[in-house]
Amino acid sequence: METGFAPAPPTFQALTKTSQDGLAVLTPLAGPAALVTAIASDGLRLRHLLNTTHSTHLSR
C-alpha cells in the first residue's frame, strides 16, 4: 500500500473532449482525494466513461 501523498493536489479538469459519449470532470477535494462526476445517455456508456477515467487519470 502506498502511503505517500502526491506532490500537488489534482486540479479541476474536464475528462472528456466531446459530449457524444458523456461528460466527466475531476474535482479536487480536501486532503488526498478527488471526485469524478460523470453523466451519460445510458448505463453502459456511463460505466465505460468511469472505467476509462479510472484507468487513465486515477490509477497511479
C-alpha atoms as a PDB file:
ATOM      1  CA  MET A   1       0.000   0.000   0.000  1.00  0.00           C
ATOM      2  CA  GLU A   2       1.347   3.398  -0.969  1.00  0.00           C
ATOM      3  CA  THR A   3       1.104   5.820   1.943  1.00  0.00           C
ATOM      4  CA  GLY A   4       2.735   8.903   0.425  1.00  0.00           C
ATOM      5  CA  PHE A   5       0.869  11.879  -0.949  1.00  0.00           C
ATOM      6  CA  ALA A   6       1.255  13.343  -4.408  1.00  0.00           C
ATOM      7  CA  PRO A   7       3.468  16.456  -4.549  1.00  0.00           C
ATOM      8  CA  ALA A   8       0.479  18.610  -5.572  1.00  0.00           C
ATOM      9  CA  PRO A   9      -3.277  18.071  -5.367  1.00  0.00           C
ATOM     10  CA  PRO A  10      -5.137  17.336  -8.587  1.00  0.00           C
ATOM     11  CA  THR A  11      -6.595  20.318 -10.399  1.00  0.00           C
ATOM     12  CA  PHE A  12     -10.117  20.670 -11.766  1.00  0.00           C
ATOM     13  CA  GLN A  13     -10.215  19.294 -15.277  1.00  0.00           C
ATOM     14  CA  ALA A  14     -12.676  18.145 -17.894  1.00  0.00           C
ATOM     15  CA  LEU A  15     -12.006  14.485 -18.640  1.00  0.00           C
ATOM     16  CA  THR A  16     -13.897  14.239 -21.919  1.00  0.00           C
ATOM     17  CA  LYS A  17     -13.348  16.178 -25.104  1.00  0.00           C
ATOM     18  CA  THR A  18     -16.858  15.879 -26.610  1.00  0.00           C
ATOM     19  CA  SER A  19     -20.288  15.178 -25.160  1.00  0.00           C
ATOM     20  CA  GLN A  20     -21.081  12.380 -27.638  1.00  0.00           C
ATOM     21  CA  ASP A  21     -20.334   9.571 -25.155  1.00  0.00           C
ATOM     22  CA  GLY A  22     -20.953  11.573 -21.977  1.00  0.00           C
ATOM     23  CA  LEU A  23     -19.250  14.182 -19.842  1.00  0.00           C
ATOM     24  CA  ALA A  24     -16.899  13.765 -16.881  1.00  0.00           C
ATOM     25  CA  VAL A  25     -14.970  16.169 -14.664  1.00  0.00           C
ATOM     26  CA  LEU A  26     -12.339  15.669 -11.974  1.00  0.00           C
ATOM     27  CA  THR A  27     -12.736  17.926  -8.925  1.00  0.00           C
ATOM     28  CA  PRO A  28     -10.144  18.033  -6.123  1.00  0.00           C
ATOM     29  CA  LEU A  29     -11.349  17.530  -2.549  1.00  0.00           C
ATOM     30  CA  ALA A  30      -9.680  18.315   0.764  1.00  0.00           C
ATOM     31  CA  GLY A  31      -6.712  16.075   1.502  1.00  0.00           C
ATOM     32  CA  PRO A  32      -5.552  13.412  -0.942  1.00  0.00           C
ATOM     33  CA  ALA A  33      -8.953  12.941  -2.574  1.00  0.00           C
ATOM     34  CA  ALA A  34     -10.671  13.737  -5.846  1.00  0.00           C
ATOM     35  CA  LEU A  35     -14.256  13.435  -7.044  1.00  0.00           C
ATOM     36  CA  VAL A  36     -15.178  12.291 -10.531  1.00  0.00           C
ATOM     37  CA  THR A  37     -18.611  13.433 -11.688  1.00  0.00           C
ATOM     38  CA  ALA A  38     -19.972  11.879 -14.867  1.00  0.00           C
ATOM     39  CA  ILE A  39     -23.152  11.878 -16.912  1.00  0.00           C
ATOM     40  CA  ALA A  40     -24.017   9.767 -19.952  1.00  0.00           C
ATOM     41  CA  SER A  41     -27.068   8.811 -22.004  1.00  0.00           C
ATOM     42  CA  ASP A  42     -27.243   5.256 -20.635  1.00  0.00           C
ATOM     43  CA  GLY A  43     -25.674   2.976 -18.037  1.00  0.00           C
ATOM     44  CA  LEU A  44     -23.313   1.206 -20.419  1.00  0.00           C
ATOM     45  CA  ARG A  45     -21.786   4.480 -21.625  1.00  0.00           C
ATOM     46  CA  LEU A  46     -21.572   5.735 -18.052  1.00  0.00           C
ATOM     47  CA  ARG A  47     -19.721   2.579 -16.919  1.00  0.00           C
ATOM     48  CA  HIS A  48     -17.314   2.844 -19.878  1.00  0.00           C
ATOM     49  CA  LEU A  49     -16.692   6.515 -19.100  1.00  0.00           C
ATOM     50  CA  LEU A  50     -15.992   5.826 -15.415  1.00  0.00           C
ATOM     51  CA  ASN A  51     -13.733   2.846 -16.187  1.00  0.00           C
ATOM     52  CA  THR A  52     -11.763   4.871 -18.735  1.00  0.00           C
ATOM     53  CA  THR A  53     -11.432   7.777 -16.314  1.00  0.00           C
ATOM     54  CA  HIS A  54     -10.209   5.490 -13.553  1.00  0.00           C
ATOM     55  CA  SER A  55      -7.634   3.734 -15.696  1.00  0.00           C
ATOM     56  CA  THR A  56      -6.248   6.865 -17.355  1.00  0.00           C
ATOM     57  CA  HIS A  57      -6.435   9.543 -14.645  1.00  0.00           C
ATOM     58  CA  LEU A  58      -6.633   7.931 -11.207  1.00  0.00           C
ATOM     59  CA  SER A  59      -4.524   4.754 -11.308  1.00  0.00           C
ATOM     60  CA  ARG A  60      -1.062   5.996 -10.429  1.00  0.00           C
END
